[in-house]
């Protein structure tokens, strides 16, 4: 359980950082960011 929680936290941080980078690179292109994850 502890291991699983840590994995979820890592994924959340990774997604947050990735979205932040994409947001900085393409501030007006939200659709491209969503398409990147789709």
Protein backbone atom coordinates (compact mmCIF):
# COMPACT_ATOMS: atom_id res chain seq x y z
CA UNK A 1 0.00 0.00 0.00
CA UNK A 2 2.80 2.38 0.90
CA UNK A 3 4.62 1.48 -2.31
CA UNK A 4 1.46 2.05 -4.36
CA UNK A 5 0.84 5.46 -2.80
CA UNK A 6 4.39 6.50 -3.60
CA UNK A 7 3.93 5.40 -7.21
CA UNK A 8 0.79 7.49 -7.55
CA UNK A 9 2.59 10.50 -6.08
CA UNK A 10 5.45 10.12 -8.56
CA UNK A 11 3.00 9.92 -11.46
CA UNK A 12 1.17 13.04 -10.26
CA UNK A 13 4.43 14.98 -9.99
CA UNK A 14 5.58 13.78 -13.42
CA UNK A 15 2.27 14.77 -15.02
CA UNK A 16 2.35 18.14 -13.27
CA UNK A 17 5.88 18.89 -14.46
CA UNK A 18 5.15 17.71 -18.00
CA UNK A 19 1.99 19.81 -18.22
CA UNK A 20 3.85 22.81 -16.81
CA UNK A 21 6.58 22.50 -19.45
CA UNK A 22 4.03 22.15 -22.25
CA UNK A 23 2.09 25.10 -20.81
CA UNK A 24 5.19 27.28 -20.88
CA UNK A 25 6.10 26.20 -24.41
CA UNK A 26 2.57 26.58 -25.79
CA UNK A 27 0.56 28.85 -23.53
CA UNK A 28 -2.28 29.30 -26.00
CA UNK A 29 -2.30 25.71 -27.25
CA UNK A 30 -4.23 23.71 -24.64
CA UNK A 31 -5.51 21.31 -27.30
CA UNK A 32 -1.96 20.27 -28.23
CA UNK A 33 -1.24 19.52 -24.58
CA UNK A 34 -4.34 17.34 -24.30
CA UNK A 35 -3.49 15.62 -27.59
CA UNK A 36 -0.02 14.86 -26.21
CA UNK A 37 -1.52 12.80 -23.38
CA UNK A 38 -4.28 11.25 -25.50
